[in-house]
Amino acid sequence: MSIAKTYTILALISLALFTSCGNGEKRNDDKKSAVDKEDSVYPHELLKSFEDRPFFFYNVENLFDTINDPKTKDEDFLPESEKKWTGNRYQDKLEKLATVLTHPSENNPLFVGFAEIENRFVVLDLMKTGRLAKTKYRVVHYDAPDVRGIDVAFAYDNERFKVLYEEAIDLSIASEPDYKTRDILYVKGLLKDSLDIHVFVNHWSSRRGGAEASEYKRINAAKALLAKTDSIRNKNTDAKIIIMGDFNDYPNNNSIFETLGAGLASNATNFVNLMLPMHENGEGSYNYRGEWGMLDQFIVSPSLVAPEKGLHIKESKAYLVNDDKFMHIFDNGEKTPGKTYGGPQYYGGYSDHLAIYGYLKMIGE
């Protein structure tokens, strides 16, 4: 081969390599530019308005699927069990729960915190039921070590809420290695106009064995929650925090009132308990032997209550979904939440807890 031909071939190879690399870099640059552009407009251009869409917490009373999971104690909720938990009963419960979540507003929920769900799939099934199917929901969930196999979860409207961070907060007790309960689910999210919000979904240890004897478990949960919220506030004193859940304690119990410092807006030492006024008025989300009590609560940072500007809880209030259609009404006129089961007896109701809800609103800067 001549020297001239050799140089010609080498030149062509070099040109081909140069052109190939140049095109590859250009494609990467184009892709990076597109990502940068999307990120730069995300809060204002892509997220839809969150106003007039309620946020909820709902203990849905053992929302289990009908599939046997060897990792959980779900034997009571199978077709062949004493409860006879069939596919028809499961679907009926999903439809009833969807009715509750769409009752307060013509708009679907912005986000929902759940207690007593078996896994993420039952939440996904629920959020695809009835009118809820019109909204694009996603779910945050972690399998917790709870001995009953029930967890908490968080479902959110993906067009109005962007998850920035999620975490399961462990509630184990070092001196009791066999103690296993639900984690606290922490989700940091973004709303339209770059509004950060921190949400904690709780289902604290039950009062089994007596309220006093089991109180230390709920105080342990309150301390773990407080440590996390303190770490958030150390970075931003005005952080917007919503703590929701079934606390198995009332607003005036030590875990809530003393440890968390959650009280009325006028005298709260750390947080504002939106349910305390209703509790003091004799209202409740749960009925125990004929007495109503507010086990289900929204506890929020003072920065969300009646600010002069910015994000806040609309009217600084929360509400119960307590329409008679969701109740069992006794012959004497007394009411209790219309539950699904009482022991093995199937009642075909909604849940033994009432759902609670509120609204977020923005005051112009």
Protein backbone atom coordinates (compact mmCIF):
# COMPACT_ATOMS: atom_id res chain seq x y z
CA MET A 1 0.00 0.00 0.00
CA SER A 2 1.34 3.44 -0.90
CA ILE A 3 2.10 6.09 1.68
CA ALA A 4 -0.54 8.35 0.10
CA LYS A 5 -3.25 5.72 0.44
CA THR A 6 -2.20 5.03 4.02
CA TYR A 7 -2.54 8.71 4.97
CA THR A 8 -5.90 8.90 3.19
CA ILE A 9 -7.29 5.92 5.11
CA LEU A 10 -6.00 7.28 8.43
CA ALA A 11 -7.54 10.66 7.70
CA LEU A 12 -10.91 9.10 6.94
CA ILE A 13 -10.82 7.03 10.14
CA SER A 14 -9.93 10.11 12.19
CA LEU A 15 -12.75 12.09 10.60
CA ALA A 16 -15.23 9.29 11.30
CA LEU A 17 -14.17 9.08 14.94
CA PHE A 18 -14.32 12.84 15.35
CA THR A 19 -17.77 13.03 13.80
CA SER A 20 -19.03 10.11 15.91
CA CYS A 21 -17.77 11.63 19.15
CA GLY A 22 -19.12 15.01 18.24
CA ASN A 23 -22.61 13.67 17.59
CA GLY A 24 -22.55 11.65 20.81
CA GLU A 25 -21.56 14.66 22.88
CA LYS A 26 -24.19 16.75 21.20
CA ARG A 27 -26.93 14.21 22.00
CA ASN A 28 -25.79 14.12 25.63
CA ASP A 29 -25.74 17.89 25.80
CA ASP A 30 -29.23 18.05 24.32
CA LYS A 31 -30.49 15.54 26.88
CA LYS A 32 -28.85 17.41 29.76
CA SER A 33 -30.32 20.69 28.53
CA ALA A 34 -33.78 19.14 28.41
CA VAL A 35 -33.42 17.86 31.98
CA ASP A 36 -32.11 21.19 33.21
CA LYS A 37 -34.96 22.98 31.48
CA GLU A 38 -37.56 20.66 33.02
CA ASP A 39 -36.04 21.04 36.47
CA SER A 40 -35.99 24.81 36.14
CA VAL A 41 -39.70 25.03 35.39
CA TYR A 42 -40.92 22.10 37.49
CA PRO A 43 -42.45 23.82 40.52
CA HIS A 44 -44.32 26.47 38.57
CA GLU A 45 -45.04 24.88 35.22
CA LEU A 46 -45.70 21.19 35.90
CA LEU A 47 -47.42 20.91 39.29
CA LYS A 48 -51.12 21.73 39.34
CA SER A 49 -52.92 23.71 42.02
CA PHE A 50 -53.44 21.94 45.35
CA GLU A 51 -56.10 24.28 46.70
CA ASP A 52 -59.67 23.03 47.25
CA ARG A 53 -58.40 19.44 47.41
CA PRO A 54 -58.64 17.89 50.88
CA PHE A 55 -55.87 15.97 52.57
CA PHE A 56 -56.89 12.99 54.73
CA PHE A 57 -55.91 10.55 57.38
CA TYR A 58 -57.89 7.33 57.54
CA ASN A 59 -57.52 4.19 59.65
CA VAL A 60 -59.26 1.83 57.22
CA GLU A 61 -59.72 -1.11 59.64
CA ASN A 62 -57.68 -4.02 58.36
CA LEU A 63 -57.53 -3.46 54.63
CA PHE A 64 -56.12 -6.86 53.64
CA ASP A 65 -56.13 -8.53 50.26
CA THR A 66 -57.32 -12.14 49.92
CA ILE A 67 -53.88 -13.61 49.13
CA ASN A 68 -52.00 -15.59 51.74
CA ASP A 69 -48.70 -13.91 52.58
CA PRO A 70 -46.40 -16.20 54.59
CA LYS A 71 -44.53 -13.15 55.92
CA THR A 72 -47.58 -11.62 57.66
CA LYS A 73 -50.31 -12.78 60.00
CA ASP A 74 -53.08 -12.47 57.44
CA GLU A 75 -54.73 -15.84 58.13
CA ASP A 76 -57.90 -14.14 59.43
CA PHE A 77 -58.35 -12.36 56.11
CA LEU A 78 -58.54 -15.21 53.65
CA PRO A 79 -61.56 -16.74 51.88
CA GLU A 80 -61.31 -19.94 53.92
CA SER A 81 -60.89 -18.15 57.29
CA GLU A 82 -63.56 -17.74 59.96
CA LYS A 83 -64.11 -14.20 58.67
CA LYS A 84 -64.65 -15.54 55.13
CA TRP A 85 -62.75 -12.62 53.58
CA THR A 86 -63.63 -13.09 49.92
CA GLY A 87 -62.86 -11.14 46.78
CA ASN A 88 -66.40 -9.76 46.74
CA ARG A 89 -66.08 -8.48 50.30
CA TYR A 90 -62.68 -6.96 49.51
CA GLN A 91 -64.05 -5.13 46.47
CA ASP A 92 -67.08 -3.94 48.45
CA LYS A 93 -64.79 -2.50 51.12
CA LEU A 94 -62.66 -0.72 48.50
CA GLU A 95 -65.77 0.90 47.04
CA LYS A 96 -66.99 1.96 50.48
CA LEU A 97 -63.62 3.46 51.46
CA ALA A 98 -63.46 5.32 48.14
CA THR A 99 -66.90 6.76 48.93
CA VAL A 100 -65.55 8.13 52.22
CA LEU A 101 -62.51 9.73 50.60
CA THR A 102 -64.60 11.44 47.93
CA HIS A 103 -67.43 12.53 50.24
CA PRO A 104 -66.28 15.96 51.51
CA SER A 105 -65.39 17.51 48.14
CA GLU A 106 -66.10 17.31 44.44
CA ASN A 107 -62.29 17.26 44.07
CA ASN A 108 -60.27 14.14 44.82
CA PRO A 109 -57.82 14.16 47.75
CA LEU A 110 -54.45 15.85 47.47
CA PHE A 111 -52.87 13.16 49.66
CA VAL A 112 -54.00 10.52 52.15
CA GLY A 113 -52.25 8.95 55.11
CA PHE A 114 -53.43 5.42 55.88
CA ALA A 115 -53.30 3.09 58.87
CA GLU A 116 -54.08 -0.63 58.98
CA ILE A 117 -53.18 -1.54 55.42
CA GLU A 118 -51.54 -4.87 54.61
CA ASN A 119 -49.30 -3.71 51.75
CA ARG A 120 -48.88 -1.10 49.03
CA PHE A 121 -51.01 -3.08 46.60
CA VAL A 122 -54.23 -2.71 48.60
CA VAL A 123 -53.64 1.07 48.62
CA LEU A 124 -53.08 1.07 44.87
CA ASP A 125 -56.31 -0.93 44.46
CA LEU A 126 -58.17 1.60 46.57
CA MET A 127 -56.81 4.62 44.70
CA LYS A 128 -58.01 3.05 41.44
CA THR A 129 -61.56 2.58 42.75
CA GLY A 130 -64.54 4.74 41.87
CA ARG A 131 -63.93 8.43 41.33
CA LEU A 132 -60.41 8.14 42.76
CA ALA A 133 -59.36 6.43 39.51
CA LYS A 134 -59.58 9.79 37.74
CA THR A 135 -56.51 11.04 39.63
CA LYS A 136 -52.94 9.81 39.10
CA TYR A 137 -52.00 8.54 42.55
CA ARG A 138 -48.72 7.07 43.69
CA VAL A 139 -47.97 5.35 46.98
CA VAL A 140 -45.16 5.54 49.55
CA HIS A 141 -44.96 2.46 51.76
CA TYR A 142 -42.46 0.39 53.72
CA ASP A 143 -42.99 -3.09 55.11
CA ALA A 144 -42.92 -2.64 58.87
CA PRO A 145 -42.13 -5.25 61.54
CA ASP A 146 -45.61 -5.03 63.11
CA VAL A 147 -46.67 -8.40 64.51
CA ARG A 148 -50.14 -8.07 63.01
CA GLY A 149 -48.76 -7.42 59.57
CA ILE A 150 -50.35 -4.00 59.23
CA ASP A 151 -48.56 -0.89 58.02
CA VAL A 152 -49.03 2.80 57.35
CA ALA A 153 -48.88 4.28 53.86
CA PHE A 154 -49.11 7.57 52.00
CA ALA A 155 -50.94 8.07 48.69
CA TYR A 156 -50.52 11.32 46.78
CA ASP A 157 -51.73 13.04 43.63
CA ASN A 158 -48.66 12.87 41.42
CA GLU A 159 -49.73 15.92 39.42
CA ARG A 160 -49.93 18.12 42.52
CA PHE A 161 -47.36 16.70 44.95
CA LYS A 162 -43.74 15.77 44.23
CA VAL A 163 -41.96 13.48 46.71
CA LEU A 164 -38.49 14.77 47.53
CA TYR A 165 -37.58 12.38 50.33
CA GLU A 166 -39.10 9.43 52.19
CA GLU A 167 -38.07 7.49 55.29
CA ALA A 168 -39.40 4.86 57.70
CA ILE A 169 -38.63 5.92 61.28
CA ASP A 170 -37.92 2.93 63.50
CA LEU A 171 -39.74 2.73 66.84
CA SER A 172 -37.94 -0.24 68.35
CA ILE A 173 -37.07 -0.20 72.07
CA ALA A 174 -33.54 -1.35 72.87
CA SER A 175 -34.52 -2.99 76.16
CA GLU A 176 -37.32 -4.96 74.46
CA PRO A 177 -35.86 -6.72 71.41
CA ASP A 178 -39.13 -8.60 70.81
CA TYR A 179 -41.19 -5.40 70.64
CA LYS A 180 -42.27 -4.83 67.05
CA THR A 181 -44.65 -2.14 65.86
CA ARG A 182 -45.37 0.11 62.90
CA ASP A 183 -42.76 2.59 61.73
CA ILE A 184 -43.54 6.28 61.41
CA LEU A 185 -43.61 7.15 57.72
CA TYR A 186 -41.94 10.46 56.85
CA VAL A 187 -42.47 12.09 53.45
CA LYS A 188 -41.05 15.43 52.39
CA GLY A 189 -42.86 16.84 49.38
CA LEU A 190 -43.16 19.80 47.09
CA LEU A 191 -46.33 21.66 46.15
CA LYS A 192 -46.93 24.22 43.43
CA ASP A 193 -44.80 27.37 43.68
CA SER A 194 -41.91 25.54 45.37
CA LEU A 195 -43.70 25.01 48.67
CA ASP A 196 -42.02 22.39 50.85
CA ILE A 197 -44.11 20.34 53.27
CA HIS A 198 -43.19 17.58 55.72
CA VAL A 199 -45.76 14.85 56.43
CA PHE A 200 -45.56 12.16 59.12
CA VAL A 201 -47.98 9.22 59.09
CA ASN A 202 -48.37 7.48 62.45
CA HIS A 203 -50.10 4.47 63.96
CA TRP A 204 -48.85 4.24 67.50
CA SER A 205 -48.93 1.17 69.71
CA SER A 206 -52.36 0.11 70.96
CA ARG A 207 -53.66 0.24 74.52
CA ARG A 208 -53.68 -3.53 74.78
CA GLY A 209 -52.85 -4.45 78.35
CA GLY A 210 -54.21 -1.12 79.61
CA ALA A 211 -53.68 2.55 78.74
CA GLU A 212 -51.26 3.20 81.60
CA ALA A 213 -49.27 -0.01 81.22
CA SER A 214 -48.73 0.60 77.50
CA GLU A 215 -48.24 4.37 77.67
CA TYR A 216 -44.43 4.17 77.56
CA LYS A 217 -44.64 2.71 74.03
CA ARG A 218 -46.55 5.72 72.74
CA ILE A 219 -44.23 8.11 74.56
CA ASN A 220 -41.33 6.31 72.89
CA ALA A 221 -42.99 6.99 69.50
CA ALA A 222 -43.56 10.63 70.44
CA LYS A 223 -39.88 11.06 71.34
CA ALA A 224 -38.72 9.50 68.07
CA LEU A 225 -41.08 11.78 66.15
CA LEU A 226 -39.92 14.82 68.10
CA ALA A 227 -36.27 14.05 67.37
CA LYS A 228 -37.00 14.05 63.64
CA THR A 229 -39.10 17.22 63.66
CA ASP A 230 -36.47 18.99 65.76
CA SER A 231 -33.81 18.09 63.18
CA ILE A 232 -36.01 19.62 60.46
CA ARG A 233 -36.67 22.79 62.42
CA ASN A 234 -33.00 23.21 63.26
CA LYS A 235 -32.51 23.81 59.53
CA ASN A 236 -35.72 25.79 58.98
CA THR A 237 -37.58 27.22 61.96
CA ASP A 238 -40.64 27.89 59.80
CA ALA A 239 -40.82 24.38 58.31
CA LYS A 240 -44.37 23.35 57.39
CA ILE A 241 -45.07 20.09 59.22
CA ILE A 242 -48.22 17.94 59.28
CA ILE A 243 -48.27 15.04 61.73
CA MET A 244 -51.23 12.74 61.14
CA GLY A 245 -52.27 9.40 62.48
CA ASP A 246 -54.09 7.08 64.82
CA PHE A 247 -52.15 7.76 67.99
CA ASN A 248 -54.10 5.43 70.29
CA ASP A 249 -53.93 8.34 72.71
CA TYR A 250 -56.19 11.35 73.03
CA PRO A 251 -55.13 14.99 72.55
CA ASN A 252 -54.89 15.52 76.32
CA ASN A 253 -52.75 12.42 77.02
CA ASN A 254 -49.09 12.76 78.00
CA SER A 255 -47.62 11.50 74.73
CA ILE A 256 -49.43 14.18 72.74
CA PHE A 257 -49.89 17.09 75.12
CA GLU A 258 -46.69 16.84 77.15
CA THR A 259 -44.07 15.01 75.06
CA LEU A 260 -44.99 16.53 71.68
CA GLY A 261 -46.17 19.79 73.23
CA ALA A 262 -49.25 19.82 71.01
CA GLY A 263 -52.06 22.04 72.28
CA LEU A 264 -54.38 24.81 71.24
CA ALA A 265 -53.00 27.49 68.94
CA SER A 266 -53.18 29.98 71.80
CA ASN A 267 -50.98 28.01 74.20
CA ALA A 268 -49.18 25.25 72.26
CA THR A 269 -45.57 24.85 73.32
CA ASN A 270 -44.39 23.10 70.14
CA PHE A 271 -47.23 22.04 67.85
CA VAL A 272 -50.88 22.87 67.31
CA ASN A 273 -53.39 20.02 67.63
CA LEU A 274 -56.24 20.76 65.23
CA MET A 275 -58.40 18.08 66.84
CA LEU A 276 -58.13 19.29 70.44
CA PRO A 277 -61.12 21.71 70.24
CA MET A 278 -63.34 18.92 68.89
CA HIS A 279 -62.08 16.48 71.52
CA GLU A 280 -62.89 18.96 74.27
CA ASN A 281 -66.35 19.33 72.72
CA GLY A 282 -67.00 15.59 73.06
CA GLU A 283 -66.47 14.75 69.40
CA GLY A 284 -64.34 11.84 68.28
CA SER A 285 -63.13 9.66 65.44
CA TYR A 286 -63.54 6.41 67.39
CA ASN A 287 -66.24 5.10 69.69
CA TYR A 288 -65.16 2.89 72.58
CA ARG A 289 -68.02 1.37 74.55
CA GLY A 290 -70.32 4.26 73.77
CA GLU A 291 -67.79 7.04 74.36
CA TRP A 292 -66.34 9.09 71.53
CA GLY A 293 -62.64 9.91 71.57
CA MET A 294 -60.28 11.62 69.13
CA LEU A 295 -57.65 8.96 68.51
CA ASP A 296 -57.12 10.21 64.94
CA GLN A 297 -55.48 13.61 64.79
CA PHE A 298 -53.76 16.27 62.73
CA ILE A 299 -50.94 17.96 64.63
CA VAL A 300 -49.22 20.79 62.77
CA SER A 301 -46.43 23.32 63.12
CA PRO A 302 -47.58 26.77 64.29
CA SER A 303 -46.33 28.14 60.96
CA LEU A 304 -49.33 26.43 59.28
CA VAL A 305 -51.90 28.09 61.53
CA ALA A 306 -53.19 31.55 60.63
CA PRO A 307 -50.01 33.05 59.13
CA GLU A 308 -50.04 36.49 57.57
CA LYS A 309 -48.79 34.98 54.33
CA GLY A 310 -47.72 31.73 52.77
CA LEU A 311 -48.98 28.17 53.10
CA HIS A 312 -51.46 27.41 55.86
CA ILE A 313 -54.31 25.16 56.99
CA LYS A 314 -57.51 26.66 55.64
CA GLU A 315 -59.45 28.28 58.50
CA SER A 316 -56.98 26.55 60.88
CA LYS A 317 -59.49 23.69 61.13
CA ALA A 318 -59.82 19.98 60.52
CA TYR A 319 -62.99 17.99 59.99
CA LEU A 320 -64.53 14.55 60.48
CA VAL A 321 -66.26 12.58 57.75
CA ASN A 322 -69.18 11.83 60.07
CA ASP A 323 -72.19 11.67 57.78
CA ASP A 324 -74.85 9.24 58.97
CA LYS A 325 -74.30 7.06 55.90
CA PHE A 326 -70.95 6.02 57.38
CA MET A 327 -72.42 5.24 60.79
CA HIS A 328 -74.20 2.39 62.49
CA ILE A 329 -77.21 3.87 64.27
CA PHE A 330 -78.62 1.93 67.21
CA ASP A 331 -82.32 1.74 68.08
CA ASN A 332 -81.81 4.35 70.83
CA GLY A 333 -80.34 6.79 68.31
CA GLU A 334 -76.73 6.44 69.41
CA LYS A 335 -74.13 6.21 66.66
CA THR A 336 -70.84 4.48 66.09
CA PRO A 337 -68.64 4.17 62.99
CA GLY A 338 -70.04 1.55 60.63
CA LYS A 339 -67.31 -1.08 60.85
CA THR A 340 -66.52 -4.00 58.56
CA TYR A 341 -66.19 -6.64 61.27
CA GLY A 342 -66.93 -7.20 64.92
CA GLY A 343 -64.79 -10.20 65.75
CA PRO A 344 -65.69 -12.80 63.12
CA GLN A 345 -69.07 -11.19 62.50
CA TYR A 346 -69.24 -9.43 59.14
CA TYR A 347 -71.16 -6.15 59.17
CA GLY A 348 -70.13 -4.93 55.76
CA GLY A 349 -69.37 -1.38 56.88
CA TYR A 350 -66.58 1.07 56.15
CA SER A 351 -64.18 1.23 59.09
CA ASP A 352 -64.30 1.34 62.87
CA HIS A 353 -62.64 4.78 62.61
CA LEU A 354 -63.92 7.94 60.97
CA ALA A 355 -61.72 9.67 58.42
CA ILE A 356 -60.37 13.14 59.18
CA TYR A 357 -59.49 15.81 56.64
CA GLY A 358 -58.44 19.41 56.09
CA TYR A 359 -57.39 21.80 53.34
CA LEU A 360 -54.21 23.65 52.49
CA LYS A 361 -54.39 27.20 51.24
CA MET A 362 -51.93 29.83 50.06
CA ILE A 363 -52.01 33.45 51.16
CA GLY A 364 -50.34 35.69 48.60
CA GLU A 365 -46.88 36.97 49.38
